């Protein structure tokens, strides 16, 4: 398993770890939100969309990951988008909502703050 250096203490850590075993520093920061399926689409009943936004210190570490979860609580599929593609997706989805119905989400606010 590949090793990385902890940014806090410099200790060697397996890349899959979420926290440094030497100093307990979080190795990945992310925001997670679950979305329910449309109530009238019967084939989606029991599923959910999980969206994770990774907030790494470098552009390579920052991305958005989408995963489809089944009724047993397991991910069936997942895909990660870089920030540019995630923004393109956000614009595509937001384009179908009228301006008076649209309210800024936490992700919208974070993206706006990051652009300043």
N, C-alpha and C. Protein backbone atom coordinates (compact mmCIF):
# COMPACT_ATOMS: atom_id res chain seq x y z
N UNK A 1 0.84 -1.18 0.00
CA UNK A 1 0.00 0.00 0.00
C UNK A 1 0.89 1.25 0.00
N UNK A 2 0.60 2.25 -0.85
CA UNK A 2 1.43 3.46 -0.92
C UNK A 2 1.41 4.24 0.39
N UNK A 3 2.56 4.81 0.71
CA UNK A 3 2.69 5.63 1.93
C UNK A 3 2.76 7.10 1.56
N UNK A 4 2.20 7.93 2.45
CA UNK A 4 2.28 9.38 2.31
C UNK A 4 2.78 9.93 3.63
N UNK A 5 3.27 11.16 3.61
CA UNK A 5 3.73 11.80 4.84
C UNK A 5 2.60 12.65 5.41
N UNK A 6 2.40 12.55 6.72
CA UNK A 6 1.41 13.38 7.40
C UNK A 6 1.87 14.84 7.31
N UNK A 7 0.97 15.74 6.94
CA UNK A 7 1.31 17.16 6.83
C UNK A 7 1.57 17.79 8.19
N UNK A 8 1.02 17.19 9.25
CA UNK A 8 1.18 17.75 10.60
C UNK A 8 2.50 17.32 11.24
N UNK A 9 2.74 15.99 11.33
CA UNK A 9 3.90 15.49 12.07
C UNK A 9 4.99 14.89 11.19
N UNK A 10 4.68 14.65 9.91
CA UNK A 10 5.67 14.08 8.99
C UNK A 10 5.78 12.57 9.05
N UNK A 11 4.99 11.91 9.90
CA UNK A 11 5.02 10.45 10.02
C UNK A 11 4.54 9.76 8.75
N UNK A 12 5.03 8.55 8.49
CA UNK A 12 4.58 7.77 7.34
C UNK A 12 3.22 7.16 7.62
N UNK A 13 2.32 7.32 6.66
CA UNK A 13 0.95 6.85 6.81
C UNK A 13 0.51 6.18 5.53
N UNK A 14 -0.20 5.06 5.64
CA UNK A 14 -0.77 4.44 4.44
C UNK A 14 -1.79 5.40 3.84
N UNK A 15 -1.78 5.48 2.52
CA UNK A 15 -2.63 6.42 1.80
C UNK A 15 -4.12 6.24 2.11
N UNK A 16 -4.55 5.02 2.42
CA UNK A 16 -5.96 4.74 2.67
C UNK A 16 -6.44 5.26 4.03
N UNK A 17 -5.52 5.58 4.94
CA UNK A 17 -5.92 6.04 6.28
C UNK A 17 -6.61 7.39 6.20
N UNK A 18 -7.58 7.60 7.07
CA UNK A 18 -8.28 8.88 7.14
C UNK A 18 -7.65 9.80 8.18
N UNK A 19 -6.96 9.22 9.18
CA UNK A 19 -6.31 9.98 10.24
C UNK A 19 -4.89 9.46 10.41
N UNK A 20 -3.98 10.34 10.78
CA UNK A 20 -2.60 9.94 11.06
C UNK A 20 -2.59 9.12 12.36
N UNK A 21 -2.01 7.92 12.34
CA UNK A 21 -1.97 7.11 13.56
C UNK A 21 -0.99 7.66 14.59
N UNK A 22 -0.12 8.59 14.19
CA UNK A 22 0.90 9.14 15.10
C UNK A 22 0.41 10.38 15.83
N UNK A 23 -0.36 11.25 15.14
CA UNK A 23 -0.79 12.51 15.79
C UNK A 23 -2.29 12.75 15.70
N UNK A 24 -3.02 11.86 15.04
CA UNK A 24 -4.48 11.94 14.89
C UNK A 24 -4.96 13.07 13.97
N UNK A 25 -4.06 13.67 13.22
CA UNK A 25 -4.43 14.72 12.27
C UNK A 25 -5.31 14.12 11.16
N UNK A 26 -6.45 14.76 10.83
CA UNK A 26 -7.25 14.28 9.70
C UNK A 26 -6.42 14.39 8.42
N UNK A 27 -6.42 13.33 7.62
CA UNK A 27 -5.64 13.33 6.39
C UNK A 27 -6.46 13.78 5.19
N UNK A 28 -7.79 13.71 5.32
CA UNK A 28 -8.67 14.17 4.25
C UNK A 28 -9.80 14.96 4.89
N UNK A 29 -10.10 16.09 4.32
CA UNK A 29 -11.25 16.87 4.76
C UNK A 29 -12.30 16.79 3.67
N UNK A 30 -13.53 16.54 4.07
CA UNK A 30 -14.58 16.47 3.07
C UNK A 30 -15.92 16.85 3.68
N UNK A 31 -16.82 17.26 2.80
CA UNK A 31 -18.21 17.51 3.13
C UNK A 31 -19.01 16.42 2.45
N UNK A 32 -20.04 15.90 3.13
CA UNK A 32 -20.85 14.83 2.57
C UNK A 32 -22.32 15.19 2.69
N UNK A 33 -23.06 14.92 1.62
CA UNK A 33 -24.50 15.16 1.62
C UNK A 33 -25.18 13.99 0.91
N UNK A 34 -26.30 13.53 1.46
CA UNK A 34 -27.11 12.49 0.82
C UNK A 34 -28.33 13.14 0.18
N UNK A 35 -28.75 12.61 -0.98
CA UNK A 35 -29.92 13.10 -1.68
C UNK A 35 -30.88 11.94 -1.93
N UNK A 36 -32.15 12.18 -1.63
CA UNK A 36 -33.18 11.15 -1.83
C UNK A 36 -33.59 11.10 -3.29
N UNK A 37 -34.05 9.94 -3.74
CA UNK A 37 -34.52 9.84 -5.13
C UNK A 37 -35.88 10.50 -5.31
N UNK A 38 -36.26 10.72 -6.53
CA UNK A 38 -37.57 11.27 -6.85
C UNK A 38 -38.63 10.28 -6.36
N UNK A 39 -39.64 10.74 -5.64
CA UNK A 39 -40.61 9.82 -5.06
C UNK A 39 -41.48 9.07 -6.07
N UNK A 40 -41.59 9.57 -7.30
CA UNK A 40 -42.42 8.91 -8.30
C UNK A 40 -41.66 7.96 -9.21
N UNK A 41 -40.36 7.85 -9.03
CA UNK A 41 -39.56 6.91 -9.83
C UNK A 41 -39.38 5.66 -8.98
N UNK A 42 -40.26 4.69 -9.18
CA UNK A 42 -40.31 3.50 -8.33
C UNK A 42 -39.01 2.70 -8.34
N UNK A 43 -38.33 2.64 -9.46
CA UNK A 43 -37.11 1.84 -9.55
C UNK A 43 -35.98 2.39 -8.69
N UNK A 44 -36.10 3.63 -8.25
CA UNK A 44 -35.06 4.24 -7.41
C UNK A 44 -35.37 4.15 -5.92
N UNK A 45 -36.51 3.59 -5.57
CA UNK A 45 -36.90 3.48 -4.15
C UNK A 45 -35.83 2.74 -3.36
N UNK A 46 -35.49 3.27 -2.19
CA UNK A 46 -34.48 2.64 -1.34
C UNK A 46 -33.05 3.05 -1.66
N UNK A 47 -32.85 3.79 -2.72
CA UNK A 47 -31.51 4.23 -3.10
C UNK A 47 -31.29 5.67 -2.66
N UNK A 48 -30.04 6.08 -2.70
CA UNK A 48 -29.70 7.47 -2.39
C UNK A 48 -28.46 7.85 -3.18
N UNK A 49 -28.31 9.13 -3.41
CA UNK A 49 -27.11 9.66 -4.03
C UNK A 49 -26.28 10.32 -2.94
N UNK A 50 -25.04 9.89 -2.80
CA UNK A 50 -24.14 10.51 -1.83
C UNK A 50 -23.14 11.34 -2.62
N UNK A 51 -22.98 12.60 -2.21
CA UNK A 51 -22.02 13.49 -2.86
C UNK A 51 -21.01 13.91 -1.81
N UNK A 52 -19.74 13.62 -2.08
CA UNK A 52 -18.65 13.98 -1.17
C UNK A 52 -17.77 15.01 -1.86
N UNK A 53 -17.52 16.10 -1.18
CA UNK A 53 -16.64 17.15 -1.70
C UNK A 53 -15.36 17.12 -0.89
N UNK A 54 -14.26 16.72 -1.53
CA UNK A 54 -12.95 16.63 -0.87
C UNK A 54 -12.27 17.98 -0.94
N UNK A 55 -11.79 18.46 0.20
CA UNK A 55 -11.26 19.81 0.33
C UNK A 55 -9.76 19.81 0.59
N UNK A 56 -9.02 19.07 -0.20
CA UNK A 56 -7.58 18.97 0.00
C UNK A 56 -6.86 20.29 -0.22
N UNK A 57 -5.62 20.38 0.26
CA UNK A 57 -4.85 21.62 0.14
C UNK A 57 -4.34 21.89 -1.28
N UNK A 58 -4.29 20.88 -2.13
CA UNK A 58 -3.81 21.09 -3.50
C UNK A 58 -4.95 20.83 -4.48
N UNK A 59 -4.83 21.40 -5.67
CA UNK A 59 -5.86 21.23 -6.69
C UNK A 59 -6.05 19.75 -7.05
N UNK A 60 -4.98 18.97 -7.03
CA UNK A 60 -5.08 17.55 -7.37
C UNK A 60 -5.91 16.78 -6.35
N UNK A 61 -5.90 17.23 -5.09
CA UNK A 61 -6.64 16.53 -4.04
C UNK A 61 -8.10 16.96 -3.95
N UNK A 62 -8.44 18.12 -4.50
CA UNK A 62 -9.82 18.61 -4.43
C UNK A 62 -10.63 18.00 -5.56
N UNK A 63 -11.72 17.36 -5.20
CA UNK A 63 -12.62 16.79 -6.19
C UNK A 63 -13.98 16.52 -5.56
N UNK A 64 -14.93 16.16 -6.40
CA UNK A 64 -16.28 15.82 -5.95
C UNK A 64 -16.54 14.38 -6.38
N UNK A 65 -17.03 13.56 -5.44
CA UNK A 65 -17.28 12.14 -5.71
C UNK A 65 -18.77 11.87 -5.53
N UNK A 66 -19.36 11.25 -6.53
CA UNK A 66 -20.77 10.86 -6.51
C UNK A 66 -20.84 9.35 -6.36
N UNK A 67 -21.70 8.88 -5.48
CA UNK A 67 -21.90 7.43 -5.36
C UNK A 67 -23.38 7.14 -5.17
N UNK A 68 -23.81 6.02 -5.76
CA UNK A 68 -25.19 5.57 -5.66
C UNK A 68 -25.24 4.47 -4.63
N UNK A 69 -26.06 4.67 -3.59
CA UNK A 69 -26.15 3.72 -2.49
C UNK A 69 -27.46 2.94 -2.59
N UNK A 70 -27.38 1.64 -2.29
CA UNK A 70 -28.57 0.80 -2.36
C UNK A 70 -29.25 0.70 -1.01
N UNK A 71 -30.34 -0.06 -0.97
CA UNK A 71 -31.12 -0.20 0.26
C UNK A 71 -30.38 -0.93 1.37
N UNK A 72 -29.30 -1.65 1.05
CA UNK A 72 -28.47 -2.31 2.07
C UNK A 72 -27.40 -1.38 2.63
N UNK A 73 -27.32 -0.17 2.13
CA UNK A 73 -26.34 0.78 2.63
C UNK A 73 -24.95 0.59 2.03
N UNK A 74 -24.89 0.06 0.81
CA UNK A 74 -23.61 -0.13 0.11
C UNK A 74 -23.60 0.66 -1.19
N UNK A 75 -22.44 1.17 -1.51
CA UNK A 75 -22.29 1.91 -2.77
C UNK A 75 -22.28 0.92 -3.94
N UNK A 76 -23.11 1.19 -4.93
CA UNK A 76 -23.17 0.35 -6.13
C UNK A 76 -22.26 0.85 -7.22
N UNK A 77 -22.06 2.15 -7.26
CA UNK A 77 -21.21 2.76 -8.29
C UNK A 77 -20.75 4.12 -7.78
N UNK A 78 -19.61 4.57 -8.29
CA UNK A 78 -19.09 5.87 -7.89
C UNK A 78 -18.25 6.45 -9.01
N UNK A 79 -18.20 7.78 -9.04
CA UNK A 79 -17.35 8.48 -10.00
C UNK A 79 -16.91 9.79 -9.36
N UNK A 80 -15.66 10.17 -9.63
CA UNK A 80 -15.13 11.43 -9.13
C UNK A 80 -14.98 12.41 -10.27
N UNK A 81 -15.28 13.67 -9.99
CA UNK A 81 -15.12 14.75 -10.95
C UNK A 81 -14.13 15.77 -10.41
N UNK A 82 -13.29 16.30 -11.30
CA UNK A 82 -12.43 17.39 -10.85
C UNK A 82 -13.30 18.63 -10.66
N UNK A 83 -12.74 19.67 -10.09
CA UNK A 83 -13.53 20.85 -9.75
C UNK A 83 -14.18 21.51 -10.96
N UNK A 84 -13.49 21.50 -12.09
CA UNK A 84 -14.05 22.10 -13.30
C UNK A 84 -15.29 21.36 -13.79
N UNK A 85 -15.22 20.04 -13.81
CA UNK A 85 -16.38 19.24 -14.22
C UNK A 85 -17.51 19.34 -13.20
N UNK A 86 -17.17 19.40 -11.92
CA UNK A 86 -18.20 19.54 -10.88
C UNK A 86 -18.94 20.87 -11.04
N UNK A 87 -18.21 21.92 -11.36
CA UNK A 87 -18.84 23.22 -11.58
C UNK A 87 -19.72 23.19 -12.82
N UNK A 88 -19.26 22.52 -13.87
CA UNK A 88 -20.06 22.38 -15.09
C UNK A 88 -21.36 21.63 -14.79
N UNK A 89 -21.26 20.56 -13.98
CA UNK A 89 -22.45 19.81 -13.58
C UNK A 89 -23.40 20.70 -12.77
N UNK A 90 -22.85 21.47 -11.83
CA UNK A 90 -23.68 22.36 -11.00
C UNK A 90 -24.43 23.37 -11.88
N UNK A 91 -23.76 23.91 -12.88
CA UNK A 91 -24.40 24.87 -13.79
C UNK A 91 -25.50 24.18 -14.59
N UNK A 92 -25.23 22.96 -15.04
CA UNK A 92 -26.21 22.19 -15.80
C UNK A 92 -27.47 21.95 -14.97
N UNK A 93 -27.30 21.49 -13.73
CA UNK A 93 -28.43 21.22 -12.85
C UNK A 93 -29.14 22.51 -12.49
N UNK A 94 -28.40 23.54 -12.13
CA UNK A 94 -29.01 24.82 -11.73
C UNK A 94 -29.73 25.48 -12.89
N UNK A 95 -29.30 25.21 -14.11
CA UNK A 95 -29.94 25.80 -15.28
C UNK A 95 -31.39 25.38 -15.45
N UNK A 96 -31.78 24.28 -14.83
CA UNK A 96 -33.16 23.81 -14.95
C UNK A 96 -34.06 24.38 -13.86
N UNK A 97 -33.51 25.20 -12.98
CA UNK A 97 -34.27 25.77 -11.88
C UNK A 97 -34.42 27.27 -12.13
N UNK A 98 -35.62 27.79 -11.99
CA UNK A 98 -35.81 29.22 -12.22
C UNK A 98 -35.08 30.02 -11.15
N UNK A 99 -34.68 31.23 -11.46
CA UNK A 99 -33.91 32.07 -10.54
C UNK A 99 -34.64 32.31 -9.22
N UNK A 100 -35.96 32.48 -9.26
CA UNK A 100 -36.67 32.76 -8.01
C UNK A 100 -36.77 31.53 -7.12
N UNK A 101 -36.64 30.32 -7.67
CA UNK A 101 -36.68 29.10 -6.86
C UNK A 101 -35.30 28.72 -6.33
N UNK A 102 -34.25 29.21 -6.97
CA UNK A 102 -32.90 28.80 -6.63
C UNK A 102 -32.38 29.53 -5.40
N UNK A 103 -31.87 28.76 -4.44
CA UNK A 103 -31.22 29.32 -3.25
C UNK A 103 -29.80 28.78 -3.22
N UNK A 104 -28.83 29.60 -2.83
CA UNK A 104 -27.46 29.10 -2.79
C UNK A 104 -27.31 27.98 -1.77
N UNK A 105 -26.66 26.90 -2.18
CA UNK A 105 -26.38 25.78 -1.28
C UNK A 105 -25.06 26.05 -0.56
N UNK A 106 -24.74 25.20 0.40
CA UNK A 106 -23.47 25.31 1.09
C UNK A 106 -22.31 25.20 0.11
N UNK A 107 -22.42 24.29 -0.85
CA UNK A 107 -21.36 24.13 -1.85
C UNK A 107 -21.22 25.41 -2.67
N UNK A 108 -22.36 26.02 -3.06
CA UNK A 108 -22.32 27.28 -3.81
C UNK A 108 -21.59 28.37 -3.01
N UNK A 109 -21.90 28.44 -1.72
CA UNK A 109 -21.27 29.45 -0.87
C UNK A 109 -19.77 29.18 -0.72
N UNK A 110 -19.39 27.89 -0.58
CA UNK A 110 -17.97 27.55 -0.46
C UNK A 110 -17.22 27.85 -1.76
N UNK A 111 -17.84 27.52 -2.89
CA UNK A 111 -17.20 27.81 -4.18
C UNK A 111 -17.02 29.32 -4.35
N UNK A 112 -18.04 30.11 -3.99
CA UNK A 112 -17.94 31.57 -4.11
C UNK A 112 -16.83 32.11 -3.21
N UNK A 113 -16.73 31.58 -1.99
CA UNK A 113 -15.68 32.03 -1.06
C UNK A 113 -14.30 31.65 -1.60
N UNK A 114 -14.19 30.48 -2.21
CA UNK A 114 -12.89 30.03 -2.74
C UNK A 114 -12.44 30.88 -3.93
N UNK A 115 -13.39 31.43 -4.68
CA UNK A 115 -13.06 32.24 -5.84
C UNK A 115 -12.56 33.63 -5.45
N UNK A 116 -12.85 34.07 -4.22
CA UNK A 116 -12.44 35.42 -3.79
C UNK A 116 -10.99 35.51 -3.51
